[in-house]
Amino acid sequence: MSLVLVTGGVRSGKSRFAEELAQQAGERVLYVATGQAWDEEMRQRIERHKERRPKQWGSVEVGERLCDYEPASTPYDVVLIDCLSTWVSNRLMSVEEAEWRSEAHTEALLAEAEAWLGLVQRSPQKVIAVTSEVGLGGVAMNRLGRWFADALGDVNQRAARQAEKVYAVMAGIPWRIKG
């Protein structure tokens, strides 16, 4: 297993850097999108992302269920997950407002993150995962924002502990902070 975690703030260039790493790592790349287009603006963003990726890359969307996709089950050399923060956001928003900060929902999300990390650990492919770094700010500190920051921070820390390499990208410049 080889997990590379690429983190950074919003619009930091982390996805573009992860795509460059994937291109360098192998010919056969599978792009795993964790976000779904909920509106026209999001559809346009997804299309721009698709247009800049090499045409020969495979692509799959997993939405809320990250564990439904098992990296080892594919013929690809590299699996690029973009992005863990979108996955966490989708999972948190799948509950009613009355359940926000529910211990049971948070525990289920973290259990799924651990299960996904287990799949990655057993995978023969290089896995590159993109995530937003909530420690850099930019998350509203209301009830939902704190829940998101707490959950994503925990997922990021778990992934970083298992990662062979961790990069932080700021203003398009990557900094290797582990490995």
N, C-alpha and C. Protein backbone atom coordinates (compact mmCIF):
# COMPACT_ATOMS: atom_id res chain seq x y z
N MET A 1 0.84 -1.18 0.00
CA MET A 1 0.00 0.00 0.00
C MET A 1 0.87 1.22 0.00
N SER A 2 0.43 2.17 -0.75
CA SER A 2 1.10 3.45 -0.76
C SER A 2 0.03 4.53 -0.81
N LEU A 3 -0.17 5.21 0.32
CA LEU A 3 -1.13 6.30 0.38
C LEU A 3 -0.39 7.61 0.42
N VAL A 4 -0.79 8.52 -0.46
CA VAL A 4 -0.27 9.88 -0.47
C VAL A 4 -1.45 10.79 -0.18
N LEU A 5 -1.32 11.63 0.84
CA LEU A 5 -2.38 12.56 1.21
C LEU A 5 -1.97 13.96 0.77
N VAL A 6 -2.84 14.62 0.02
CA VAL A 6 -2.58 15.98 -0.45
C VAL A 6 -3.65 16.87 0.17
N THR A 7 -3.21 17.83 0.98
CA THR A 7 -4.13 18.71 1.68
C THR A 7 -3.81 20.17 1.40
N GLY A 8 -4.74 21.02 1.70
CA GLY A 8 -4.55 22.44 1.51
C GLY A 8 -5.86 23.16 1.68
N GLY A 9 -5.83 24.46 1.61
CA GLY A 9 -7.04 25.25 1.74
C GLY A 9 -7.85 25.24 0.46
N VAL A 10 -8.99 25.89 0.52
CA VAL A 10 -9.87 26.01 -0.64
C VAL A 10 -9.14 26.77 -1.74
N ARG A 11 -9.19 26.26 -2.95
CA ARG A 11 -8.56 26.86 -4.14
C ARG A 11 -7.04 27.00 -4.00
N SER A 12 -6.43 26.07 -3.28
CA SER A 12 -4.99 26.12 -3.04
C SER A 12 -4.18 25.50 -4.18
N GLY A 13 -4.84 24.71 -5.05
CA GLY A 13 -4.14 24.00 -6.11
C GLY A 13 -3.88 22.55 -5.75
N LYS A 14 -4.48 22.08 -4.67
CA LYS A 14 -4.22 20.71 -4.21
C LYS A 14 -4.70 19.65 -5.20
N SER A 15 -5.86 19.84 -5.82
CA SER A 15 -6.35 18.86 -6.79
C SER A 15 -5.46 18.80 -8.02
N ARG A 16 -5.06 19.95 -8.49
CA ARG A 16 -4.17 20.00 -9.67
C ARG A 16 -2.84 19.31 -9.35
N PHE A 17 -2.27 19.57 -8.16
CA PHE A 17 -1.03 18.93 -7.77
C PHE A 17 -1.21 17.41 -7.67
N ALA A 18 -2.33 16.97 -7.09
CA ALA A 18 -2.59 15.53 -6.98
C ALA A 18 -2.70 14.88 -8.36
N GLU A 19 -3.30 15.59 -9.30
CA GLU A 19 -3.40 15.07 -10.67
C GLU A 19 -2.01 14.93 -11.29
N GLU A 20 -1.13 15.89 -11.03
CA GLU A 20 0.25 15.79 -11.53
C GLU A 20 0.97 14.60 -10.92
N LEU A 21 0.79 14.39 -9.61
CA LEU A 21 1.39 13.21 -8.96
C LEU A 21 0.88 11.92 -9.59
N ALA A 22 -0.42 11.87 -9.86
CA ALA A 22 -1.00 10.67 -10.45
C ALA A 22 -0.43 10.41 -11.84
N GLN A 23 -0.27 11.46 -12.65
CA GLN A 23 0.29 11.30 -13.99
C GLN A 23 1.72 10.77 -13.93
N GLN A 24 2.48 11.22 -12.94
CA GLN A 24 3.87 10.77 -12.79
C GLN A 24 3.96 9.34 -12.27
N ALA A 25 2.93 8.90 -11.56
CA ALA A 25 2.98 7.60 -10.88
C ALA A 25 2.60 6.41 -11.75
N GLY A 26 1.91 6.64 -12.85
CA GLY A 26 1.51 5.51 -13.67
C GLY A 26 0.68 5.90 -14.87
N GLU A 27 0.65 4.99 -15.83
CA GLU A 27 -0.12 5.20 -17.06
C GLU A 27 -1.61 5.06 -16.83
N ARG A 28 -1.98 4.07 -16.04
CA ARG A 28 -3.40 3.76 -15.84
C ARG A 28 -3.87 4.38 -14.52
N VAL A 29 -4.63 5.47 -14.64
CA VAL A 29 -5.10 6.22 -13.47
C VAL A 29 -6.63 6.16 -13.43
N LEU A 30 -7.15 5.91 -12.24
CA LEU A 30 -8.58 5.96 -12.02
C LEU A 30 -8.87 7.14 -11.11
N TYR A 31 -9.72 8.05 -11.58
CA TYR A 31 -10.13 9.22 -10.81
C TYR A 31 -11.45 8.88 -10.12
N VAL A 32 -11.45 8.93 -8.79
CA VAL A 32 -12.65 8.64 -8.01
C VAL A 32 -13.20 9.95 -7.47
N ALA A 33 -14.36 10.36 -7.99
CA ALA A 33 -15.00 11.60 -7.56
C ALA A 33 -15.95 11.28 -6.41
N THR A 34 -15.82 12.04 -5.32
CA THR A 34 -16.69 11.82 -4.17
C THR A 34 -17.85 12.80 -4.13
N GLY A 35 -17.86 13.77 -5.02
CA GLY A 35 -18.90 14.78 -5.01
C GLY A 35 -19.89 14.61 -6.15
N GLN A 36 -21.11 14.97 -5.87
CA GLN A 36 -22.14 14.94 -6.89
C GLN A 36 -22.57 16.38 -7.18
N ALA A 37 -23.00 16.61 -8.38
CA ALA A 37 -23.44 17.96 -8.76
C ALA A 37 -24.84 18.20 -8.23
N TRP A 38 -24.94 19.12 -7.27
CA TRP A 38 -26.23 19.46 -6.69
C TRP A 38 -26.87 20.65 -7.39
N ASP A 39 -26.07 21.41 -8.12
CA ASP A 39 -26.61 22.58 -8.82
C ASP A 39 -25.76 22.84 -10.07
N GLU A 40 -26.15 23.83 -10.85
CA GLU A 40 -25.47 24.12 -12.11
C GLU A 40 -24.02 24.54 -11.90
N GLU A 41 -23.77 25.35 -10.89
CA GLU A 41 -22.39 25.81 -10.63
C GLU A 41 -21.49 24.62 -10.32
N MET A 42 -21.97 23.67 -9.52
CA MET A 42 -21.18 22.48 -9.19
C MET A 42 -20.98 21.60 -10.43
N ARG A 43 -22.00 21.50 -11.27
CA ARG A 43 -21.85 20.73 -12.52
C ARG A 43 -20.75 21.33 -13.39
N GLN A 44 -20.69 22.65 -13.47
CA GLN A 44 -19.66 23.32 -14.26
C GLN A 44 -18.27 23.07 -13.68
N ARG A 45 -18.14 23.09 -12.36
CA ARG A 45 -16.84 22.81 -11.72
C ARG A 45 -16.38 21.40 -12.05
N ILE A 46 -17.30 20.44 -11.95
CA ILE A 46 -16.96 19.04 -12.23
C ILE A 46 -16.53 18.90 -13.68
N GLU A 47 -17.22 19.56 -14.60
CA GLU A 47 -16.85 19.50 -16.02
C GLU A 47 -15.46 20.09 -16.26
N ARG A 48 -15.14 21.21 -15.61
CA ARG A 48 -13.79 21.81 -15.75
C ARG A 48 -12.73 20.85 -15.24
N HIS A 49 -13.00 20.18 -14.14
CA HIS A 49 -12.05 19.18 -13.62
C HIS A 49 -11.86 18.05 -14.64
N LYS A 50 -12.96 17.56 -15.20
CA LYS A 50 -12.88 16.48 -16.18
C LYS A 50 -12.08 16.89 -17.41
N GLU A 51 -12.28 18.12 -17.88
CA GLU A 51 -11.62 18.60 -19.10
C GLU A 51 -10.09 18.66 -18.94
N ARG A 52 -9.60 18.93 -17.75
CA ARG A 52 -8.15 19.05 -17.60
C ARG A 52 -7.46 17.70 -17.34
N ARG A 53 -8.24 16.67 -17.04
CA ARG A 53 -7.66 15.34 -16.83
C ARG A 53 -7.40 14.67 -18.17
N PRO A 54 -6.35 13.85 -18.23
CA PRO A 54 -6.09 13.10 -19.47
C PRO A 54 -7.30 12.23 -19.85
N LYS A 55 -7.58 12.17 -21.13
CA LYS A 55 -8.77 11.45 -21.63
C LYS A 55 -8.72 9.95 -21.35
N GLN A 56 -7.52 9.38 -21.22
CA GLN A 56 -7.41 7.94 -21.02
C GLN A 56 -7.67 7.52 -19.57
N TRP A 57 -7.78 8.46 -18.65
CA TRP A 57 -8.06 8.11 -17.26
C TRP A 57 -9.46 7.55 -17.12
N GLY A 58 -9.59 6.56 -16.27
CA GLY A 58 -10.91 6.06 -15.91
C GLY A 58 -11.53 7.01 -14.90
N SER A 59 -12.84 6.91 -14.72
CA SER A 59 -13.51 7.80 -13.79
C SER A 59 -14.71 7.08 -13.18
N VAL A 60 -14.90 7.29 -11.89
CA VAL A 60 -16.04 6.70 -11.19
C VAL A 60 -16.48 7.69 -10.12
N GLU A 61 -17.79 7.73 -9.85
CA GLU A 61 -18.33 8.59 -8.79
C GLU A 61 -18.85 7.70 -7.68
N VAL A 62 -18.49 8.04 -6.44
CA VAL A 62 -18.94 7.22 -5.32
C VAL A 62 -19.93 7.92 -4.41
N GLY A 63 -20.10 9.21 -4.53
CA GLY A 63 -21.08 9.91 -3.70
C GLY A 63 -20.80 9.75 -2.21
N GLU A 64 -21.83 9.34 -1.45
CA GLU A 64 -21.71 9.24 -0.01
C GLU A 64 -20.98 7.98 0.45
N ARG A 65 -20.96 6.93 -0.32
CA ARG A 65 -20.46 5.63 0.15
C ARG A 65 -19.05 5.37 -0.34
N LEU A 66 -18.07 5.93 0.33
CA LEU A 66 -16.67 5.76 -0.05
C LEU A 66 -16.25 4.30 0.00
N CYS A 67 -16.77 3.53 0.94
CA CYS A 67 -16.39 2.12 1.07
C CYS A 67 -16.98 1.23 -0.01
N ASP A 68 -17.92 1.75 -0.80
CA ASP A 68 -18.47 0.95 -1.90
C ASP A 68 -17.46 0.76 -3.01
N TYR A 69 -16.43 1.58 -2.99
CA TYR A 69 -15.40 1.47 -4.02
C TYR A 69 -14.14 0.87 -3.40
N GLU A 70 -13.72 -0.26 -3.92
CA GLU A 70 -12.52 -0.92 -3.40
C GLU A 70 -11.39 -0.78 -4.41
N PRO A 71 -10.34 -0.02 -4.06
CA PRO A 71 -9.24 0.21 -5.01
C PRO A 71 -8.63 -1.06 -5.58
N ALA A 72 -8.49 -2.11 -4.79
CA ALA A 72 -7.83 -3.33 -5.24
C ALA A 72 -8.59 -4.05 -6.34
N SER A 73 -9.86 -3.70 -6.53
CA SER A 73 -10.68 -4.40 -7.52
C SER A 73 -10.53 -3.85 -8.93
N THR A 74 -9.60 -2.93 -9.16
CA THR A 74 -9.47 -2.31 -10.47
C THR A 74 -8.13 -2.66 -11.12
N PRO A 75 -8.06 -2.54 -12.44
CA PRO A 75 -6.81 -2.81 -13.16
C PRO A 75 -5.89 -1.59 -13.23
N TYR A 76 -6.14 -0.57 -12.43
CA TYR A 76 -5.38 0.68 -12.52
C TYR A 76 -4.12 0.64 -11.66
N ASP A 77 -3.12 1.44 -12.06
CA ASP A 77 -1.87 1.57 -11.30
C ASP A 77 -2.02 2.56 -10.16
N VAL A 78 -2.83 3.59 -10.40
CA VAL A 78 -2.99 4.69 -9.46
C VAL A 78 -4.47 5.00 -9.30
N VAL A 79 -4.88 5.23 -8.06
CA VAL A 79 -6.25 5.64 -7.78
C VAL A 79 -6.18 7.01 -7.13
N LEU A 80 -6.86 7.99 -7.71
CA LEU A 80 -6.88 9.35 -7.20
C LEU A 80 -8.27 9.64 -6.64
N ILE A 81 -8.35 9.87 -5.32
CA ILE A 81 -9.61 10.16 -4.64
C ILE A 81 -9.71 11.67 -4.47
N ASP A 82 -10.71 12.29 -5.06
CA ASP A 82 -10.88 13.74 -4.95
C ASP A 82 -12.35 14.02 -4.63
N CYS A 83 -12.71 14.27 -3.41
CA CYS A 83 -11.84 14.64 -2.32
C CYS A 83 -12.49 14.17 -1.02
N LEU A 84 -11.69 13.89 -0.01
CA LEU A 84 -12.20 13.40 1.27
C LEU A 84 -13.09 14.43 1.95
N SER A 85 -12.78 15.71 1.81
CA SER A 85 -13.61 16.73 2.46
C SER A 85 -15.01 16.78 1.84
N THR A 86 -15.11 16.55 0.55
CA THR A 86 -16.43 16.50 -0.08
C THR A 86 -17.20 15.28 0.41
N TRP A 87 -16.49 14.16 0.56
CA TRP A 87 -17.13 12.95 1.07
C TRP A 87 -17.67 13.18 2.50
N VAL A 88 -16.84 13.78 3.37
CA VAL A 88 -17.28 14.05 4.74
C VAL A 88 -18.49 14.98 4.72
N SER A 89 -18.43 16.03 3.92
CA SER A 89 -19.55 16.97 3.82
C SER A 89 -20.82 16.27 3.37
N ASN A 90 -20.72 15.43 2.35
CA ASN A 90 -21.89 14.70 1.86
C ASN A 90 -22.48 13.80 2.94
N ARG A 91 -21.60 13.12 3.67
CA ARG A 91 -22.05 12.21 4.74
C ARG A 91 -22.74 13.00 5.85
N LEU A 92 -22.17 14.11 6.25
CA LEU A 92 -22.78 14.90 7.32
C LEU A 92 -24.12 15.46 6.90
N MET A 93 -24.21 15.90 5.65
CA MET A 93 -25.45 16.52 5.19
C MET A 93 -26.53 15.49 4.85
N SER A 94 -26.23 14.22 4.99
CA SER A 94 -27.23 13.19 4.69
C SER A 94 -28.20 12.98 5.85
N VAL A 95 -28.02 13.73 6.94
CA VAL A 95 -28.93 13.61 8.09
C VAL A 95 -29.75 14.89 8.25
N GLU A 96 -30.81 14.78 8.97
CA GLU A 96 -31.66 15.94 9.25
C GLU A 96 -30.95 16.89 10.22
N GLU A 97 -31.28 18.16 10.15
CA GLU A 97 -30.64 19.17 10.99
C GLU A 97 -30.72 18.81 12.48
N ALA A 98 -31.82 18.21 12.90
CA ALA A 98 -31.98 17.83 14.31
C ALA A 98 -30.92 16.83 14.76
N GLU A 99 -30.34 16.09 13.82
CA GLU A 99 -29.34 15.08 14.15
C GLU A 99 -27.91 15.60 14.06
N TRP A 100 -27.73 16.87 13.68
CA TRP A 100 -26.37 17.40 13.58
C TRP A 100 -25.64 17.20 14.88
N ARG A 101 -24.40 16.83 14.78
CA ARG A 101 -23.51 16.54 15.90
C ARG A 101 -23.94 15.30 16.67
N SER A 102 -24.73 14.48 16.05
CA SER A 102 -25.13 13.22 16.66
C SER A 102 -23.90 12.33 16.83
N GLU A 103 -23.69 11.84 18.03
CA GLU A 103 -22.55 10.95 18.30
C GLU A 103 -22.61 9.71 17.41
N ALA A 104 -23.80 9.15 17.25
CA ALA A 104 -23.95 7.93 16.45
C ALA A 104 -23.57 8.19 14.99
N HIS A 105 -24.00 9.32 14.44
CA HIS A 105 -23.69 9.63 13.05
C HIS A 105 -22.19 9.88 12.87
N THR A 106 -21.59 10.61 13.81
CA THR A 106 -20.15 10.87 13.75
C THR A 106 -19.37 9.56 13.85
N GLU A 107 -19.76 8.70 14.78
CA GLU A 107 -19.07 7.41 14.94
C GLU A 107 -19.20 6.56 13.68
N ALA A 108 -20.37 6.57 13.04
CA ALA A 108 -20.57 5.81 11.80
C ALA A 108 -19.66 6.36 10.69
N LEU A 109 -19.56 7.68 10.60
CA LEU A 109 -18.69 8.29 9.59
C LEU A 109 -17.23 7.90 9.83
N LEU A 110 -16.78 7.98 11.06
CA LEU A 110 -15.39 7.64 11.37
C LEU A 110 -15.12 6.14 11.18
N ALA A 111 -16.11 5.30 11.48
CA ALA A 111 -15.96 3.87 11.23
C ALA A 111 -15.83 3.60 9.74
N GLU A 112 -16.59 4.33 8.93
CA GLU A 112 -16.48 4.15 7.48
C GLU A 112 -15.12 4.64 6.97
N ALA A 113 -14.62 5.75 7.55
CA ALA A 113 -13.29 6.23 7.17
C ALA A 113 -12.23 5.18 7.52
N GLU A 114 -12.34 4.57 8.69
CA GLU A 114 -11.39 3.51 9.08
C GLU A 114 -11.50 2.31 8.14
N ALA A 115 -12.72 1.94 7.78
CA ALA A 115 -12.91 0.82 6.85
C ALA A 115 -12.28 1.14 5.50
N TRP A 116 -12.47 2.39 5.02
CA TRP A 116 -11.87 2.79 3.75
C TRP A 116 -10.34 2.75 3.84
N LEU A 117 -9.79 3.25 4.95
CA LEU A 117 -8.33 3.21 5.12
C LEU A 117 -7.83 1.77 5.15
N GLY A 118 -8.62 0.85 5.68
CA GLY A 118 -8.26 -0.57 5.64
C GLY A 118 -8.21 -1.09 4.22
N LEU A 119 -9.19 -0.68 3.39
CA LEU A 119 -9.18 -1.07 1.98
C LEU A 119 -7.94 -0.53 1.28
N VAL A 120 -7.62 0.73 1.57
CA VAL A 120 -6.44 1.36 0.95
C VAL A 120 -5.18 0.63 1.38
N GLN A 121 -5.10 0.26 2.64
CA GLN A 121 -3.91 -0.42 3.16
C GLN A 121 -3.68 -1.75 2.45
N ARG A 122 -4.75 -2.43 2.06
CA ARG A 122 -4.62 -3.73 1.38
C ARG A 122 -4.51 -3.59 -0.14
N SER A 123 -4.63 -2.38 -0.65
CA SER A 123 -4.64 -2.15 -2.08
C SER A 123 -3.23 -2.24 -2.67
N PRO A 124 -3.09 -2.89 -3.83
CA PRO A 124 -1.78 -2.93 -4.49
C PRO A 124 -1.46 -1.63 -5.23
N GLN A 125 -2.46 -0.79 -5.45
CA GLN A 125 -2.24 0.46 -6.19
C GLN A 125 -1.72 1.56 -5.27
N LYS A 126 -1.10 2.54 -5.90
CA LYS A 126 -0.81 3.79 -5.21
C LYS A 126 -2.14 4.54 -5.12
N VAL A 127 -2.47 5.03 -3.94
CA VAL A 127 -3.70 5.79 -3.75
C VAL A 127 -3.30 7.21 -3.34
N ILE A 128 -3.81 8.17 -4.08
CA ILE A 128 -3.58 9.58 -3.79
C ILE A 128 -4.93 10.16 -3.37
N ALA A 129 -4.99 10.68 -2.15
CA ALA A 129 -6.24 11.24 -1.65
C ALA A 129 -6.08 12.74 -1.42
N VAL A 130 -7.05 13.50 -1.91
CA VAL A 130 -7.06 14.96 -1.76
C VAL A 130 -8.03 15.28 -0.63
N THR A 131 -7.67 16.27 0.19
CA THR A 131 -8.56 16.72 1.25
C THR A 131 -8.32 18.18 1.56
N SER A 132 -9.30 18.81 2.15
CA SER A 132 -9.13 20.20 2.59
C SER A 132 -8.62 20.20 4.02
N GLU A 133 -7.78 21.14 4.33
CA GLU A 133 -7.22 21.24 5.68
C GLU A 133 -8.05 22.23 6.48
N VAL A 134 -8.90 21.72 7.36
CA VAL A 134 -9.78 22.60 8.14
C VAL A 134 -9.01 23.43 9.15
N GLY A 135 -7.79 23.03 9.49
CA GLY A 135 -6.97 23.80 10.42
C GLY A 135 -6.53 25.14 9.86
N LEU A 136 -6.69 25.33 8.56
CA LEU A 136 -6.31 26.60 7.93
C LEU A 136 -7.43 27.63 8.00
N GLY A 137 -8.55 27.26 8.56
CA GLY A 137 -9.69 28.18 8.64
C GLY A 137 -10.57 28.04 7.42
N GLY A 138 -11.43 29.00 7.21
CA GLY A 138 -12.30 28.98 6.05
C GLY A 138 -13.58 28.21 6.27
N VAL A 139 -13.78 27.65 7.46
CA VAL A 139 -15.02 26.94 7.77
C VAL A 139 -15.80 27.80 8.75
N ALA A 140 -17.05 28.04 8.44
CA ALA A 140 -17.90 28.85 9.33
C ALA A 140 -17.97 28.19 10.70
N MET A 141 -17.82 28.96 11.73
CA MET A 141 -17.85 28.39 13.07
C MET A 141 -19.24 28.46 13.69
N ASN A 142 -20.20 27.98 12.91
CA ASN A 142 -21.54 27.77 13.43
C ASN A 142 -21.64 26.29 13.82
N ARG A 143 -22.81 25.85 14.21
CA ARG A 143 -22.98 24.47 14.68
C ARG A 143 -22.56 23.44 13.63
N LEU A 144 -23.00 23.62 12.41
CA LEU A 144 -22.66 22.68 11.34
C LEU A 144 -21.17 22.79 10.98
N GLY A 145 -20.64 24.00 10.93
CA GLY A 145 -19.23 24.18 10.60
C GLY A 145 -18.31 23.52 11.60
N ARG A 146 -18.62 23.63 12.88
CA ARG A 146 -17.80 22.99 13.92
C ARG A 146 -17.86 21.47 13.79
N TRP A 147 -19.03 20.96 13.49
CA TRP A 147 -19.20 19.51 13.33
C TRP A 147 -18.36 19.03 12.13
N PHE A 148 -18.46 19.76 11.03
CA PHE A 148 -17.68 19.42 9.84
C PHE A 148 -16.18 19.49 10.14
N ALA A 149 -15.72 20.57 10.78
CA ALA A 149 -14.29 20.73 11.09
C ALA A 149 -13.81 19.61 12.00
N ASP A 150 -14.60 19.26 13.00
CA ASP A 150 -14.21 18.17 13.92
C ASP A 150 -14.12 16.84 13.17
N ALA A 151 -15.14 16.53 12.37
CA ALA A 151 -15.17 15.25 11.66
C ALA A 151 -14.06 15.17 10.61
N LEU A 152 -13.92 16.21 9.79
CA LEU A 152 -12.89 16.18 8.76
C LEU A 152 -11.49 16.19 9.37
N GLY A 153 -11.31 16.96 10.43
CA GLY A 153 -10.01 16.97 11.10
C GLY A 153 -9.63 15.58 11.57
N ASP A 154 -10.59 14.84 12.11
CA ASP A 154 -10.33 13.47 12.58
C ASP A 154 -10.00 12.55 11.40
N VAL A 155 -10.79 12.65 10.31
CA VAL A 155 -10.51 11.82 9.12
C VAL A 155 -9.13 12.15 8.56
N ASN A 156 -8.80 13.43 8.45
CA ASN A 156 -7.49 13.84 7.92
C ASN A 156 -6.35 13.30 8.78
N GLN A 157 -6.49 13.39 10.10
CA GLN A 157 -5.43 12.91 10.98
C GLN A 157 -5.24 11.40 10.86
N ARG A 158 -6.34 10.66 10.75
CA ARG A 158 -6.25 9.21 10.58
C ARG A 158 -5.55 8.87 9.26
N ALA A 159 -5.94 9.57 8.19
CA ALA A 159 -5.31 9.31 6.89
C ALA A 159 -3.84 9.70 6.90
N ALA A 160 -3.51 10.82 7.51
CA ALA A 160 -2.11 11.27 7.55
C ALA A 160 -1.24 10.29 8.32
N ARG A 161 -1.76 9.69 9.38
CA ARG A 161 -0.98 8.71 10.14
C ARG A 161 -0.63 7.50 9.28
N GLN A 162 -1.55 7.09 8.41
CA GLN A 162 -1.31 5.91 7.56
C GLN A 162 -0.57 6.25 6.28
N ALA A 163 -0.55 7.51 5.90
CA ALA A 163 0.04 7.89 4.62
C ALA A 163 1.56 7.75 4.63
N GLU A 164 2.07 7.33 3.48
CA GLU A 164 3.51 7.28 3.28
C GLU A 164 4.07 8.69 3.10
N LYS A 165 3.31 9.51 2.39
CA LYS A 165 3.69 10.91 2.16
C LYS A 165 2.48 11.80 2.38
N VAL A 166 2.74 13.01 2.89
CA VAL A 166 1.70 14.01 3.04
C VAL A 166 2.24 15.32 2.49
N TYR A 167 1.45 15.94 1.63
CA TYR A 167 1.79 17.25 1.06
C TYR A 167 0.75 18.27 1.50
N ALA A 168 1.20 19.47 1.80
CA ALA A 168 0.31 20.60 2.01
C ALA A 168 0.56 21.55 0.85
N VAL A 169 -0.51 21.98 0.20
CA VAL A 169 -0.39 22.86 -0.96
C VAL A 169 -0.98 24.22 -0.59
N MET A 170 -0.19 25.25 -0.79
CA MET A 170 -0.65 26.62 -0.54
C MET A 170 -0.25 27.47 -1.73
N ALA A 171 -1.21 28.21 -2.26
CA ALA A 171 -1.00 29.10 -3.41
C ALA A 171 -0.34 28.34 -4.57
N GLY A 172 -0.74 27.08 -4.73
CA GLY A 172 -0.22 26.27 -5.83
C GLY A 172 1.15 25.67 -5.59
N ILE A 173 1.74 25.92 -4.44
CA ILE A 173 3.08 25.41 -4.14
C ILE A 173 2.96 24.26 -3.15
N PRO A 174 3.40 23.05 -3.54
CA PRO A 174 3.33 21.90 -2.63
C PRO A 174 4.53 21.88 -1.66
N TRP A 175 4.24 21.51 -0.43
CA TRP A 175 5.26 21.33 0.58
C TRP A 175 5.12 19.92 1.12
N ARG A 176 6.18 19.12 1.01
CA ARG A 176 6.10 17.76 1.57
C ARG A 176 6.32 17.87 3.06
N ILE A 177 5.35 17.40 3.83
CA ILE A 177 5.45 17.50 5.28
C ILE A 177 5.60 16.14 5.96
N LYS A 178 5.53 15.07 5.17
CA LYS A 178 5.80 13.73 5.68
C LYS A 178 6.32 12.87 4.56
N GLY A 179 7.30 12.04 4.87
CA GLY A 179 7.82 11.06 3.92
C GLY A 179 8.87 11.53 2.98
